[in-house]
Every structure is written in structure tokens, then in C-alpha cells.
Protein backbone atom coordinates (compact mmCIF):
# COMPACT_ATOMS: atom_id res chain seq x y z
CA MET A 1 97.34 75.98 82.17
CA ASN A 2 96.41 75.63 78.31
CA GLY A 3 93.76 77.31 76.13
CA ALA A 4 90.54 78.15 78.13
CA SER A 5 91.97 78.15 81.57
CA ARG A 6 94.72 80.18 80.74
CA GLU A 7 92.51 82.97 79.28
CA ALA A 8 90.18 83.19 82.33
CA LEU A 9 92.83 83.20 84.58
CA ALA A 10 94.26 86.25 82.67
CA ALA A 11 90.77 87.74 82.85
CA ALA A 12 90.52 87.18 86.61
CA ARG A 13 93.80 88.53 87.13
CA GLU A 14 92.51 92.07 85.29
CA ALA A 15 89.49 92.15 87.55
CA LEU A 16 91.56 91.47 90.47
CA ASP A 17 93.66 94.12 89.91
CA ALA A 18 91.02 96.62 89.08
CA LEU A 19 89.15 95.53 92.18
CA THR A 20 92.52 96.26 94.62
CA ASP A 21 93.22 99.33 92.81
CA ASN A 22 90.31 100.73 94.60
CA THR A 23 91.91 101.78 97.96
CA SER A 24 88.58 100.92 99.92
CA VAL A 25 89.21 97.40 99.19
CA ASN A 26 91.14 95.46 102.01
CA ALA A 27 93.62 93.06 99.98
CA THR A 28 94.42 91.27 102.85
CA THR A 29 90.71 90.21 103.62
CA LEU A 30 90.45 89.31 99.87
CA ALA A 31 93.53 87.12 100.17
CA ASP A 32 91.95 85.10 103.26
CA GLU A 33 88.65 84.94 102.07
CA LEU A 34 89.68 83.68 98.40
CA ALA A 35 92.08 81.25 100.18
CA ALA A 36 89.00 80.06 101.97
CA VAL A 37 87.17 79.51 98.77
CA THR A 38 90.11 77.62 97.55
CA ALA A 39 89.81 75.29 100.52
CA LEU A 40 86.02 74.79 99.69
CA LEU A 41 86.70 73.93 95.92
CA ASP A 42 89.25 71.63 96.88
CA ARG A 43 87.55 69.78 99.28
CA GLU A 44 84.29 69.78 97.13
CA VAL A 45 84.95 67.80 94.10
CA SER A 46 81.54 67.70 92.82
CA LEU A 47 81.04 71.49 93.51
CA ARG A 48 83.95 72.45 91.35
CA ARG A 49 82.81 70.01 88.58
CA VAL A 50 79.51 71.85 88.59
CA LEU A 51 80.80 75.10 88.51
CA THR A 52 83.37 74.52 85.49
CA ASP A 53 80.68 72.33 83.50
CA PRO A 54 81.02 73.73 80.34
CA ALA A 55 77.20 72.69 79.59
CA GLN A 56 76.10 74.89 81.82
CA PRO A 57 75.01 78.75 81.27
CA GLY A 58 77.79 80.86 82.73
CA GLU A 59 74.97 83.21 84.51
CA ALA A 60 73.62 79.70 86.23
CA LYS A 61 76.95 78.73 87.66
CA ALA A 62 77.53 82.44 88.70
CA ALA A 63 74.40 82.54 90.47
CA LEU A 64 75.09 79.26 92.53
CA ALA A 65 78.27 80.63 93.21
CA GLN A 66 76.63 83.83 94.71
CA ARG A 67 74.06 81.95 96.61
CA LEU A 68 76.62 79.53 98.26
CA LEU A 69 79.26 82.32 99.05
CA SER A 70 76.95 85.39 99.87
CA GLY A 71 77.24 85.89 103.65
CA GLN A 72 80.09 83.69 104.08
CA VAL A 73 82.61 86.22 102.43
CA GLY A 74 82.33 89.55 101.47
CA GLY A 75 80.70 91.19 98.10
CA GLU A 76 84.00 91.79 96.61
CA THR A 77 85.09 88.04 97.12
CA VAL A 78 81.70 86.77 95.80
CA ASP A 79 81.97 89.22 92.58
CA VAL A 80 85.39 87.52 91.74
CA VAL A 81 84.62 84.15 91.95
CA SER A 82 80.98 84.74 90.16
CA GLY A 83 83.06 86.26 87.35
CA MET A 84 85.51 83.37 87.19
CA VAL A 85 82.97 80.48 86.98
CA ARG A 86 81.25 82.46 84.12
CA SER A 87 84.47 81.96 82.08
CA ARG A 88 85.14 78.57 80.35
CA TRP A 89 87.85 76.19 82.02
CA SER A 90 89.77 73.43 80.54
CA GLN A 91 89.66 71.41 83.65
CA SER A 92 87.87 71.79 86.91
CA ARG A 93 90.90 71.55 89.19
CA ASP A 94 92.56 74.97 87.01
CA LEU A 95 89.51 76.65 88.74
CA VAL A 96 90.79 75.94 92.17
CA ASP A 97 94.30 76.65 91.22
CA SER A 98 93.31 79.98 89.82
CA VAL A 99 91.37 80.66 93.04
CA GLU A 100 94.33 79.98 95.14
CA GLU A 101 96.86 82.42 92.89
CA LEU A 102 94.50 85.17 93.04
CA ALA A 103 94.62 84.74 96.83
CA ASN A 104 98.12 84.93 96.95
CA ILE A 105 98.26 87.69 94.33
CA ALA A 106 95.99 89.61 96.77
CA ASP A 107 98.44 89.17 99.64
CA LEU A 108 101.15 90.33 97.55
CA THR A 109 99.25 93.46 96.48
CA ALA A 110 98.69 94.25 100.19
CA ALA A 111 102.57 93.96 100.55
CA GLN A 112 103.07 96.22 97.42
CA GLN A 113 100.59 98.87 99.00
CA ALA A 114 102.66 98.86 102.31
CA GLY A 115 105.59 99.22 100.58
CA ASP A 116 107.04 95.73 101.51
CA LEU A 117 107.16 94.06 98.23
CA ASP A 118 110.86 93.76 97.67
CA ASP A 119 111.02 92.58 101.33
CA VAL A 120 108.64 89.82 100.89
CA GLU A 121 110.45 88.78 97.89
CA ASP A 122 113.59 88.46 99.73
CA GLU A 123 112.18 86.66 102.55
CA LEU A 124 110.30 84.23 100.75
CA PHE A 125 113.81 83.56 98.94
CA ARG A 126 115.81 83.08 101.99
CA PHE A 127 113.16 81.08 103.60
CA GLY A 128 113.42 78.69 100.88
CA ARG A 129 117.33 78.68 101.36
CA ILE A 130 116.74 77.82 105.02
CA VAL A 131 114.53 75.06 104.49
CA THR A 132 117.07 73.48 101.84
CA SER A 133 119.89 73.59 104.32
CA SER A 134 117.91 72.04 107.36
CA LYS A 135 116.30 68.68 106.91
CA GLU A 136 115.03 68.84 110.46
CA LEU A 137 112.95 71.68 109.48
CA ARG A 138 111.75 70.83 106.11
CA SER A 139 110.88 67.53 107.71
CA ALA A 140 108.73 68.90 110.35
CA LEU A 141 106.97 71.21 107.83
CA THR A 142 106.05 68.27 105.31
CA ASP A 143 105.28 65.62 107.84
CA LYS A 144 101.92 64.45 106.97
CA ALA A 145 101.24 63.11 110.25
CA ALA A 146 101.48 66.49 111.75
CA GLY A 147 98.60 68.56 111.77
CA ALA A 148 97.96 71.96 110.10
CA ALA A 149 97.66 74.00 113.38
CA ALA A 150 101.00 72.37 114.50
CA LYS A 151 102.44 73.34 111.51
CA GLY A 152 101.22 77.17 111.65
CA GLU A 153 102.30 77.52 115.20
CA LEU A 154 105.79 76.31 114.21
CA LEU A 155 106.03 78.72 111.55
CA ARG A 156 104.63 81.81 113.59
CA SER A 157 107.29 81.25 116.02
CA LEU A 158 109.88 81.19 113.70
CA LEU A 159 108.54 84.22 111.26
CA GLY A 160 106.65 86.23 113.89
CA GLY A 161 108.24 89.59 114.16
CA LYS A 162 111.26 88.71 111.92
CA ALA A 163 109.39 88.82 108.58
CA ARG A 164 106.71 91.18 106.96
CA PRO A 165 103.00 89.74 107.49
CA ALA A 166 102.35 89.13 103.91
CA THR A 167 105.41 86.73 103.75
CA GLU A 168 104.20 84.89 107.02
CA ARG A 169 100.73 84.55 105.61
CA LEU A 170 101.77 83.29 102.32
CA ILE A 171 104.05 80.64 103.80
CA VAL A 172 101.80 79.43 106.38
CA ARG A 173 99.29 79.15 103.83
CA LEU A 174 101.55 77.21 101.53
CA VAL A 175 102.74 74.73 104.31
CA THR A 176 99.27 74.13 106.10
CA GLN A 177 97.48 73.94 102.61
CA PRO A 178 100.22 72.39 100.17
CA ARG A 179 97.58 70.72 97.82
CA GLY A 180 99.98 68.25 96.39
CA ARG A 181 103.18 70.36 95.68
CA SER A 182 106.25 70.19 97.21
CA LEU A 183 107.53 73.05 99.50
CA GLU A 184 110.26 73.85 97.09
CA GLN A 185 107.86 74.31 94.27
CA GLY A 186 105.24 76.31 96.38
CA LEU A 187 108.08 78.67 97.48
CA GLU A 188 109.39 79.06 93.86
CA SER A 189 105.86 79.82 92.58
CA LEU A 190 105.22 82.63 95.26
CA SER A 191 108.83 84.07 94.16
CA LYS A 192 107.89 84.14 90.67
CA LEU A 193 104.18 86.01 91.62
CA ALA A 194 106.09 88.66 93.77
CA ALA A 195 108.27 89.21 90.93
CA ALA A 196 105.58 89.74 88.44
CA ARG A 197 103.87 92.44 90.53
CA ARG A 198 106.33 94.77 89.27
CA ASP A 199 106.82 92.93 85.91
CA ARG A 200 110.13 91.91 86.71
CA MET A 201 111.77 88.40 86.06
CA VAL A 202 113.72 86.57 89.11
CA ALA A 203 117.45 85.95 88.74
CA VAL A 204 119.11 83.28 91.31
CA VAL A 205 122.69 84.50 91.47
CA THR A 206 125.28 82.16 93.31
CA SER A 207 128.60 83.48 93.96
CA ALA A 208 131.66 82.44 96.20
CA ILE A 209 131.70 85.52 97.78
CA PRO A 210 129.11 88.32 98.52
CA LEU A 211 128.61 90.62 95.61
CA SER A 212 129.23 94.45 96.01
CA ASP A 213 126.59 96.94 95.37
CA GLN A 214 128.41 97.95 92.10
CA GLN A 215 128.71 94.55 90.98
CA LYS A 216 124.77 93.88 91.47
CA GLN A 217 123.81 97.02 89.80
CA ARG A 218 126.18 95.95 87.04
CA LEU A 219 124.93 92.44 86.71
CA GLY A 220 121.13 93.57 87.07
CA ALA A 221 121.59 96.04 83.90
CA VAL A 222 123.34 93.44 81.98
CA LEU A 223 120.37 91.15 82.74
CA ALA A 224 117.66 93.33 82.12
CA LYS A 225 119.48 94.31 78.61
CA LEU A 226 119.83 90.52 77.74
CA TYR A 227 116.22 89.48 78.59
CA GLY A 228 114.40 92.87 77.90
CA ARG A 229 112.81 93.28 81.29
CA GLN A 230 113.68 94.35 84.67
CA MET A 231 115.51 91.92 86.85
CA HIS A 232 114.93 91.22 90.78
CA LEU A 233 118.21 89.37 92.13
CA ASN A 234 118.05 86.69 94.42
CA LEU A 235 121.59 86.56 96.01
CA ASP A 236 123.28 83.05 97.15
CA VAL A 237 126.75 82.78 98.26
CA ASP A 238 128.31 79.36 98.06
CA PRO A 239 131.89 78.90 98.49
CA THR A 240 131.89 75.87 96.59
CA VAL A 241 131.56 77.41 93.20
CA LEU A 242 135.03 78.51 93.60
CA GLY A 243 134.69 81.72 91.82
CA GLY A 244 132.73 83.81 89.05
CA ILE A 245 129.00 83.68 89.47
CA SER A 246 126.14 81.40 88.30
CA VAL A 247 122.77 82.79 87.18
CA ARG A 248 119.40 81.11 86.99
CA VAL A 249 116.34 82.75 85.13
CA GLY A 250 113.84 80.26 84.74
CA ASP A 251 115.00 77.11 83.40
CA GLU A 252 118.13 78.70 81.91
CA VAL A 253 121.45 78.66 83.59
CA ILE A 254 124.12 80.87 82.75
CA ASP A 255 126.96 79.39 84.32
CA GLY A 256 130.59 81.46 84.68
CA THR A 257 132.09 79.37 87.78
CA ILE A 258 135.36 78.17 87.84
CA ALA A 259 133.68 74.79 89.30
CA GLU A 260 131.81 74.53 86.11
CA ARG A 261 134.62 75.43 83.80
CA LEU A 262 136.97 72.64 85.69
CA ALA A 263 133.99 70.16 85.32
CA GLU A 264 133.74 70.91 81.70
CA ALA A 265 137.28 70.66 81.16
CA THR A 266 137.17 67.22 83.06
CA ARG A 267 134.37 66.24 80.67
CA ARG A 268 136.23 66.98 77.28
CA LEU A 269 139.40 65.09 78.66
CA ALA A 270 137.29 62.16 79.47
CA GLY A 271 135.60 62.40 76.20
């Protein structure tokens, strides 16, 4: 997102945080209702264009949103969406993406309130690794011919009782409402949102053997000092790296594996 949309999303996030700080607000219900609004705006192209039309006064757009949503979702959801359509958006699609992001943040907030946020982060990462390693599962979850209900049932049979409720909800929503994204892209976005709930960055660490608790603590401290922010480590074991570790933070890769050093030596010899 650029310009106006980025500012509008930042304001919407602040409003959501202020709302969910109130313990009387059910963050899980809010997530469900924002997800329903996302589906509505994704489906109704003309509606989202009207709600993001810069030529229309913000109050008029907010009033329209209130008329459409009142009685369909709770008052808190109506307030959030009304506030969003008062803002200026660079593209109408940005509004839909932002409502969806708020739905995901609300679910993560519920997990945080329950003390489950760390587990949700880890479960999202582990599920991503399972999908990557199983072509059959990935095919079943991304098959366009399969209905959303069937995919949801498959996921509930896989995750039910094994993952935190927020993890299951987030993954089911991603798979059944992909909105043009790949499964891998969606899971990575969810992981980043989960990390941001504690203002943390995510480092994907790949090593030949599992790291000890002491090694994990030392690595976390080094990365936190390097990046100036608390770091959440997603740990993956891959014997093919031969030794050392590889660390990916966003688009940056710090590779200290033997395999990479051998590959670099080979490239130099070939050159």
C-alpha cells in the first residue's frame, strides 16, 4: 500500500487496538464480523468503489456503511468500518485488504489475551513447513475445484484439538478465502502480523541439527542487537545445510552454513 491507503490502515489499526483494549469487546466475534465484511466488499465491486470514492464526503460514505451493516454485525464492527470509509484510499482494493488485515489482527489479539500468541506464531510456522513438505496436502488445500466447505472440514480434521483456536481460525479463513494469494504468501503474512503484535521481527533460522536453549537465547540476543528490535525465532532443521545456520529476516539472508560456503568456493573457482 502507498500514500493515503497506508495512512488509512495505520489509523484503522490504532482504532482497533483502542477498541480491543476494552475487555468487554469480544475480539473473536469482531474478527468473524470483519471477515464477513471482507467477503462482502470482495464480492461487491461497485459497493467498495462507492465507499472509497474520493469525490464523496466521508460522512456520506460512513452513513452508507452504517445503513448496510447495522443489524448484520455488531456495533463495534460498524464503528470500525465506518471509520475506515471516512478515510481516503489510494485504491478501492486497499480497503478490502485492510478490513481483512484487521480481522486477522483481531483474532491474534484474542490469542494474545488468552496467552496463546507465542503458540499461534509457532503453529503458523509449523503448518507452513508441513504444507511445503506435502504436495498432496497443498494440492488439496489449493484445488480450485474443491469447495470452501470441504477445505474447511479437511483443515478442522487436521488442526482440531492440535492447534490453538486462533491458529485454526486464521488458517481456515486463509484457505477458504484466499483472495488471489498463494497459500505460502498468506501464511507468511499471518506470521508477520503475529510477530508485530509484540513489536517483534521474525527470523527464520535453519540449522543442520536442533539448537540448544542456550544457542537460541544467544542467537536471539545477537539478532535483537543487530536489528534493534526483539526477535522471534522460527526454527527449522534441515540436514542438507551440513553445518552452521542460515537466518532469514524479511528479504535479508544471513547464511553461515557449510553448504553455502562450499557453493561460494565453487563459484569462485568456476569464475
